[in-house]
Amino acid sequence: MNYNGPKVKISRKLGVEVTPKSGKITAKKPYPPGQHGNTKRRPKQSDYGRQLLEKQRLRYQYSITEKQMRNYYKEATRITGNTGDILVQLLESRLDALVYRSGLARTIYAARQYVSHGHILVNGKKVDISSYNVKPNDEFEVKEKSRKLDCFQDAIRSAASPDYIDLSKAEFKVKYLYIPPREEIPVVCEVPLVVEFYSR
């Protein structure tokens, strides 16, 4: 089940910014939520606790369920190469993740909503499945009728995409250039610990 609670609370708990608002709040309160969050003496974290934290960090940055996360891990183990890197690449190739990463949406939550509501076209066809796997050289765009909506207008003004994404602000169109190496994907996570968590 997806998390529907306060985004700021989960950001402070995990130490990652899941929305622009949470980034502002965590800058003022860089400690976990709760009455004991700001205490200096905190119990030492176990190996399992660290693995669980990193797994949750990765999961919430893509806003996916535990079942989806486990399935992506299983798929990554079947592909030759570094399992951790492949796992992040699979997650980054999701349509909602690329809509967010390209700057067409300000948060991953907004990106998922835009996709599910049919605002996004992939190679000229409407796709309303957030987990749709985008392949290199695929193009996606905001459909013409939706481009005048304030949410897209606001997002496109401040959009800044990474090297593996080619964004045309005038056309609200994006091309996925290549599967990025792990170091180019801007996620905050110690991925080897995630692999350790699932390989127990």
C-alpha atoms as a PDB file:
ATOM      1  CA  MET A   1       0.000   0.000   0.000  1.00  0.00           C
ATOM      2  CA  ASN A   2       1.310   3.472  -0.895  1.00  0.00           C
ATOM      3  CA  TYR A   3       2.018   5.984   1.875  1.00  0.00           C
ATOM      4  CA  ASN A   4      -0.677   8.680   2.000  1.00  0.00           C
ATOM      5  CA  GLY A   5       0.389  10.430   5.206  1.00  0.00           C
ATOM      6  CA  PRO A   6       2.290  13.714   5.690  1.00  0.00           C
ATOM      7  CA  LYS A   7       5.187  13.924   3.216  1.00  0.00           C
ATOM      8  CA  VAL A   8       7.226  16.155   5.541  1.00  0.00           C
ATOM      9  CA  LYS A   9       7.057  13.561   8.316  1.00  0.00           C
ATOM     10  CA  ILE A  10       8.359  10.754   6.117  1.00  0.00           C
ATOM     11  CA  SER A  11      11.067  13.072   4.723  1.00  0.00           C
ATOM     12  CA  ARG A  12      12.342  13.870   8.207  1.00  0.00           C
ATOM     13  CA  LYS A  13      12.205  10.226   9.238  1.00  0.00           C
ATOM     14  CA  LEU A  14      14.199   8.984   6.243  1.00  0.00           C
ATOM     15  CA  GLY A  15      16.424  12.016   5.700  1.00  0.00           C
ATOM     16  CA  VAL A  16      15.423  12.533   2.051  1.00  0.00           C
ATOM     17  CA  GLU A  17      13.392  15.273   0.384  1.00  0.00           C
ATOM     18  CA  VAL A  18      10.316  13.775  -1.259  1.00  0.00           C
ATOM     19  CA  THR A  19       8.682  17.172  -2.011  1.00  0.00           C
ATOM     20  CA  PRO A  20       9.961  20.776  -2.341  1.00  0.00           C
ATOM     21  CA  LYS A  21       8.059  21.697   0.857  1.00  0.00           C
ATOM     22  CA  SER A  22       9.681  18.879   2.828  1.00  0.00           C
ATOM     23  CA  GLY A  23      13.097  20.152   1.770  1.00  0.00           C
ATOM     24  CA  LYS A  24      12.395  23.548   3.371  1.00  0.00           C
ATOM     25  CA  ILE A  25      11.112  21.998   6.602  1.00  0.00           C
ATOM     26  CA  THR A  26      13.954  19.478   6.975  1.00  0.00           C
ATOM     27  CA  ALA A  27      16.465  22.308   6.528  1.00  0.00           C
ATOM     28  CA  LYS A  28      14.988  23.916   9.666  1.00  0.00           C
ATOM     29  CA  LYS A  29      14.435  20.638  11.530  1.00  0.00           C
ATOM     30  CA  PRO A  30      17.202  18.211  10.430  1.00  0.00           C
ATOM     31  CA  TYR A  31      16.151  15.470  12.841  1.00  0.00           C
ATOM     32  CA  PRO A  32      13.450  12.766  12.943  1.00  0.00           C
ATOM     33  CA  PRO A  33       9.868  13.682  13.931  1.00  0.00           C
ATOM     34  CA  GLY A  34       8.439  13.006  17.369  1.00  0.00           C
ATOM     35  CA  GLN A  35       9.138  14.262  20.894  1.00  0.00           C
ATOM     36  CA  HIS A  36      12.472  12.425  21.069  1.00  0.00           C
ATOM     37  CA  GLY A  37      13.570  13.300  17.536  1.00  0.00           C
ATOM     38  CA  ASN A  38      15.876  16.124  18.597  1.00  0.00           C
ATOM     39  CA  THR A  39      17.630  14.238  21.405  1.00  0.00           C
ATOM     40  CA  LYS A  40      21.374  13.901  20.923  1.00  0.00           C
ATOM     41  CA  ARG A  41      21.573  10.418  22.421  1.00  0.00           C
ATOM     42  CA  ARG A  42      20.067   8.007  19.954  1.00  0.00           C
ATOM     43  CA  PRO A  43      20.378   4.209  20.126  1.00  0.00           C
ATOM     44  CA  LYS A  44      22.970   2.620  17.883  1.00  0.00           C
ATOM     45  CA  GLN A  45      21.397   1.259  14.719  1.00  0.00           C
ATOM     46  CA  SER A  46      21.730  -2.438  13.916  1.00  0.00           C
ATOM     47  CA  ASP A  47      22.843  -3.730  10.506  1.00  0.00           C
ATOM     48  CA  TYR A  48      19.260  -4.736   9.786  1.00  0.00           C
ATOM     49  CA  GLY A  49      18.047  -1.279  10.818  1.00  0.00           C
ATOM     50  CA  ARG A  50      20.464   0.410   8.396  1.00  0.00           C
ATOM     51  CA  GLN A  51      19.442  -1.933   5.575  1.00  0.00           C
ATOM     52  CA  LEU A  52      15.751  -1.287   6.268  1.00  0.00           C
ATOM     53  CA  LEU A  53      16.303   2.490   6.338  1.00  0.00           C
ATOM     54  CA  GLU A  54      18.072   2.502   2.959  1.00  0.00           C
ATOM     55  CA  LYS A  55      15.409   0.251   1.442  1.00  0.00           C
ATOM     56  CA  GLN A  56      12.691   2.608   2.659  1.00  0.00           C
ATOM     57  CA  ARG A  57      14.627   5.616   1.381  1.00  0.00           C
ATOM     58  CA  LEU A  58      14.801   4.149  -2.106  1.00  0.00           C
ATOM     59  CA  ARG A  59      11.181   2.984  -2.059  1.00  0.00           C
ATOM     60  CA  TYR A  60       9.745   6.320  -0.983  1.00  0.00           C
ATOM     61  CA  GLN A  61      11.806   8.303  -3.493  1.00  0.00           C
ATOM     62  CA  TYR A  62       9.945   6.389  -6.214  1.00  0.00           C
ATOM     63  CA  SER A  63       6.718   6.126  -4.180  1.00  0.00           C
ATOM     64  CA  ILE A  64       6.154   2.440  -4.850  1.00  0.00           C
ATOM     65  CA  THR A  65       4.720  -0.352  -2.730  1.00  0.00           C
ATOM     66  CA  GLU A  66       6.796  -3.001  -0.977  1.00  0.00           C
ATOM     67  CA  LYS A  67       5.456  -5.632  -3.378  1.00  0.00           C
ATOM     68  CA  GLN A  68       6.559  -3.569  -6.393  1.00  0.00           C
ATOM     69  CA  MET A  69       9.973  -2.990  -4.825  1.00  0.00           C
ATOM     70  CA  ARG A  70      10.484  -6.700  -4.230  1.00  0.00           C
ATOM     71  CA  ASN A  71       9.446  -7.493  -7.807  1.00  0.00           C
ATOM     72  CA  TYR A  72      11.944  -4.952  -9.169  1.00  0.00           C
ATOM     73  CA  TYR A  73      14.662  -6.560  -7.037  1.00  0.00           C
ATOM     74  CA  LYS A  74      13.803 -10.019  -8.372  1.00  0.00           C
ATOM     75  CA  GLU A  75      13.912  -8.684 -11.925  1.00  0.00           C
ATOM     76  CA  ALA A  76      17.290  -7.031 -11.257  1.00  0.00           C
ATOM     77  CA  THR A  77      18.763 -10.311 -10.012  1.00  0.00           C
ATOM     78  CA  ARG A  78      17.851 -11.986 -13.313  1.00  0.00           C
ATOM     79  CA  ILE A  79      19.831  -9.458 -15.353  1.00  0.00           C
ATOM     80  CA  THR A  80      23.593  -9.822 -15.715  1.00  0.00           C
ATOM     81  CA  GLY A  81      25.508  -7.062 -13.946  1.00  0.00           C
ATOM     82  CA  ASN A  82      25.566  -5.213 -10.631  1.00  0.00           C
ATOM     83  CA  THR A  83      22.198  -5.942  -9.011  1.00  0.00           C
ATOM     84  CA  GLY A  84      22.075  -2.637  -7.114  1.00  0.00           C
ATOM     85  CA  ASP A  85      22.807  -0.525 -10.180  1.00  0.00           C
ATOM     86  CA  ILE A  86      20.314  -2.468 -12.289  1.00  0.00           C
ATOM     87  CA  LEU A  87      17.645  -2.088  -9.593  1.00  0.00           C
ATOM     88  CA  VAL A  88      17.970   1.717  -9.620  1.00  0.00           C
ATOM     89  CA  GLN A  89      18.018   1.773 -13.443  1.00  0.00           C
ATOM     90  CA  LEU A  90      14.773  -0.237 -13.560  1.00  0.00           C
ATOM     91  CA  LEU A  91      13.137   2.159 -11.118  1.00  0.00           C
ATOM     92  CA  GLU A  92      14.397   5.189 -13.020  1.00  0.00           C
ATOM     93  CA  SER A  93      12.945   3.832 -16.290  1.00  0.00           C
ATOM     94  CA  ARG A  94       9.395   4.011 -14.912  1.00  0.00           C
ATOM     95  CA  LEU A  95       7.236   6.544 -16.742  1.00  0.00           C
ATOM     96  CA  ASP A  96       6.242   8.441 -13.592  1.00  0.00           C
ATOM     97  CA  ALA A  97       9.890   8.661 -12.482  1.00  0.00           C
ATOM     98  CA  LEU A  98      10.976  10.105 -15.823  1.00  0.00           C
ATOM     99  CA  VAL A  99       8.067  12.562 -15.918  1.00  0.00           C
ATOM    100  CA  TYR A 100       9.231  13.798 -12.514  1.00  0.00           C
ATOM    101  CA  ARG A 101      12.934  13.737 -13.389  1.00  0.00           C
ATOM    102  CA  SER A 102      12.363  15.684 -16.619  1.00  0.00           C
ATOM    103  CA  GLY A 103      10.699  18.518 -14.706  1.00  0.00           C
ATOM    104  CA  LEU A 104       7.191  18.095 -16.129  1.00  0.00           C
ATOM    105  CA  ALA A 105       6.040  17.446 -12.547  1.00  0.00           C
ATOM    106  CA  ARG A 106       7.327  18.983  -9.330  1.00  0.00           C
ATOM    107  CA  THR A 107       7.000  15.793  -7.268  1.00  0.00           C
ATOM    108  CA  ILE A 108       6.863  12.047  -7.919  1.00  0.00           C
ATOM    109  CA  TYR A 109       3.330  12.077  -6.520  1.00  0.00           C
ATOM    110  CA  ALA A 110       2.230  14.699  -9.048  1.00  0.00           C
ATOM    111  CA  ALA A 111       3.945  12.743 -11.844  1.00  0.00           C
ATOM    112  CA  ARG A 112       1.974   9.615 -10.988  1.00  0.00           C
ATOM    113  CA  GLN A 113      -1.280  11.575 -10.968  1.00  0.00           C
ATOM    114  CA  TYR A 114      -0.559  13.170 -14.363  1.00  0.00           C
ATOM    115  CA  VAL A 115       0.130   9.759 -15.886  1.00  0.00           C
ATOM    116  CA  SER A 116      -2.908   8.047 -14.357  1.00  0.00           C
ATOM    117  CA  HIS A 117      -5.175  10.908 -15.448  1.00  0.00           C
ATOM    118  CA  GLY A 118      -4.082  10.517 -19.053  1.00  0.00           C
ATOM    119  CA  HIS A 119      -2.112  13.745 -19.500  1.00  0.00           C
ATOM    120  CA  ILE A 120       1.007  11.990 -20.839  1.00  0.00           C
ATOM    121  CA  LEU A 121       1.560  10.534 -24.320  1.00  0.00           C
ATOM    122  CA  VAL A 122       4.358   8.053 -25.026  1.00  0.00           C
ATOM    123  CA  ASN A 123       5.432   7.897 -28.678  1.00  0.00           C
ATOM    124  CA  GLY A 124       2.181   9.665 -29.549  1.00  0.00           C
ATOM    125  CA  LYS A 125      -0.114   7.270 -27.647  1.00  0.00           C
ATOM    126  CA  LYS A 126      -1.811   7.816 -24.286  1.00  0.00           C
ATOM    127  CA  VAL A 127      -0.297   5.747 -21.487  1.00  0.00           C
ATOM    128  CA  ASP A 128      -1.952   5.873 -18.064  1.00  0.00           C
ATOM    129  CA  ILE A 129       0.181   3.224 -16.330  1.00  0.00           C
ATOM    130  CA  SER A 130       2.730   4.810 -13.969  1.00  0.00           C
ATOM    131  CA  SER A 131       4.998   1.763 -13.981  1.00  0.00           C
ATOM    132  CA  TYR A 132       5.227   1.699 -17.799  1.00  0.00           C
ATOM    133  CA  ASN A 133       8.816   0.872 -18.759  1.00  0.00           C
ATOM    134  CA  VAL A 134      10.258   3.629 -20.930  1.00  0.00           C
ATOM    135  CA  LYS A 135      13.017   2.486 -23.279  1.00  0.00           C
ATOM    136  CA  PRO A 136      15.938   4.526 -24.653  1.00  0.00           C
ATOM    137  CA  ASN A 137      14.902   6.749 -27.604  1.00  0.00           C
ATOM    138  CA  ASP A 138      11.253   6.689 -26.489  1.00  0.00           C
ATOM    139  CA  GLU A 139       9.599  10.102 -26.441  1.00  0.00           C
ATOM    140  CA  PHE A 140       6.868  11.287 -24.098  1.00  0.00           C
ATOM    141  CA  GLU A 141       5.022  14.576 -23.860  1.00  0.00           C
ATOM    142  CA  VAL A 142       2.171  16.405 -22.194  1.00  0.00           C
ATOM    143  CA  LYS A 143      -0.844  16.150 -24.469  1.00  0.00           C
ATOM    144  CA  GLU A 144      -1.690  19.419 -26.205  1.00  0.00           C
ATOM    145  CA  LYS A 145      -4.964  20.059 -24.340  1.00  0.00           C
ATOM    146  CA  SER A 146      -3.219  19.763 -20.965  1.00  0.00           C
ATOM    147  CA  ARG A 147      -0.266  22.082 -21.645  1.00  0.00           C
ATOM    148  CA  LYS A 148      -2.149  25.219 -20.589  1.00  0.00           C
ATOM    149  CA  LEU A 149      -2.880  23.826 -17.110  1.00  0.00           C
ATOM    150  CA  ASP A 150      -1.192  25.822 -14.335  1.00  0.00           C
ATOM    151  CA  CYS A 151       0.490  22.734 -12.874  1.00  0.00           C
ATOM    152  CA  PHE A 152       2.409  22.096 -16.106  1.00  0.00           C
ATOM    153  CA  GLN A 153       3.109  25.770 -16.757  1.00  0.00           C
ATOM    154  CA  ASP A 154       4.565  26.192 -13.254  1.00  0.00           C
ATOM    155  CA  ALA A 155       6.639  23.013 -13.483  1.00  0.00           C
ATOM    156  CA  ILE A 156       8.123  23.711 -16.924  1.00  0.00           C
ATOM    157  CA  ARG A 157       9.440  27.148 -15.891  1.00  0.00           C
ATOM    158  CA  SER A 158      11.815  25.659 -13.325  1.00  0.00           C
ATOM    159  CA  ALA A 159      12.441  22.348 -15.113  1.00  0.00           C
ATOM    160  CA  ALA A 160      16.059  21.167 -15.233  1.00  0.00           C
ATOM    161  CA  SER A 161      16.609  17.661 -16.574  1.00  0.00           C
ATOM    162  CA  PRO A 162      19.675  15.372 -16.163  1.00  0.00           C
ATOM    163  CA  ASP A 163      21.949  14.394 -19.069  1.00  0.00           C
ATOM    164  CA  TYR A 164      20.024  11.238 -19.981  1.00  0.00           C
ATOM    165  CA  ILE A 165      16.863  13.248 -20.631  1.00  0.00           C
ATOM    166  CA  ASP A 166      16.403  15.730 -23.496  1.00  0.00           C
ATOM    167  CA  LEU A 167      13.655  18.219 -22.636  1.00  0.00           C
ATOM    168  CA  SER A 168      12.005  20.586 -25.098  1.00  0.00           C
ATOM    169  CA  LYS A 169      10.262  23.169 -22.924  1.00  0.00           C
ATOM    170  CA  ALA A 170       8.480  24.793 -25.861  1.00  0.00           C
ATOM    171  CA  GLU A 171       6.847  21.520 -26.912  1.00  0.00           C
ATOM    172  CA  PHE A 172       6.511  19.937 -23.437  1.00  0.00           C
ATOM    173  CA  LYS A 173       8.268  16.968 -25.006  1.00  0.00           C
ATOM    174  CA  VAL A 174      10.954  14.687 -23.569  1.00  0.00           C
ATOM    175  CA  LYS A 175      13.271  12.109 -25.113  1.00  0.00           C
ATOM    176  CA  TYR A 176      14.810   9.381 -22.955  1.00  0.00           C
ATOM    177  CA  LEU A 177      18.307   9.238 -24.424  1.00  0.00           C
ATOM    178  CA  TYR A 178      19.932   6.287 -22.648  1.00  0.00           C
ATOM    179  CA  ILE A 179      19.815   4.128 -19.520  1.00  0.00           C
ATOM    180  CA  PRO A 180      21.925   6.142 -17.081  1.00  0.00           C
ATOM    181  CA  PRO A 181      24.730   4.696 -14.955  1.00  0.00           C
ATOM    182  CA  ARG A 182      24.052   4.722 -11.213  1.00  0.00           C
ATOM    183  CA  GLU A 183      26.189   7.812 -10.566  1.00  0.00           C
ATOM    184  CA  GLU A 184      23.982   9.931 -12.863  1.00  0.00           C
ATOM    185  CA  ILE A 185      20.723   9.002 -11.118  1.00  0.00           C
ATOM    186  CA  PRO A 186      20.012  11.558  -8.355  1.00  0.00           C
ATOM    187  CA  VAL A 187      18.695   9.268  -5.629  1.00  0.00           C
ATOM    188  CA  VAL A 188      19.892   9.424  -2.012  1.00  0.00           C
ATOM    189  CA  CYS A 189      20.530   5.831  -1.002  1.00  0.00           C
ATOM    190  CA  GLU A 190      23.262   3.324  -0.198  1.00  0.00           C
ATOM    191  CA  VAL A 191      22.001   0.785  -2.727  1.00  0.00           C
ATOM    192  CA  PRO A 192      24.311  -2.106  -1.631  1.00  0.00           C
ATOM    193  CA  LEU A 193      22.470  -2.121   1.713  1.00  0.00           C
ATOM    194  CA  VAL A 194      19.161  -2.483  -0.144  1.00  0.00           C
ATOM    195  CA  VAL A 195      20.565  -5.508  -1.971  1.00  0.00           C
ATOM    196  CA  GLU A 196      21.727  -6.953   1.359  1.00  0.00           C
ATOM    197  CA  PHE A 197      18.230  -6.449   2.797  1.00  0.00           C
ATOM    198  CA  TYR A 198      16.522  -8.424   0.043  1.00  0.00           C
ATOM    199  CA  SER A 199      19.208 -11.111  -0.260  1.00  0.00           C
ATOM    200  CA  ARG A 200      18.905 -12.172   3.399  1.00  0.00           C
END
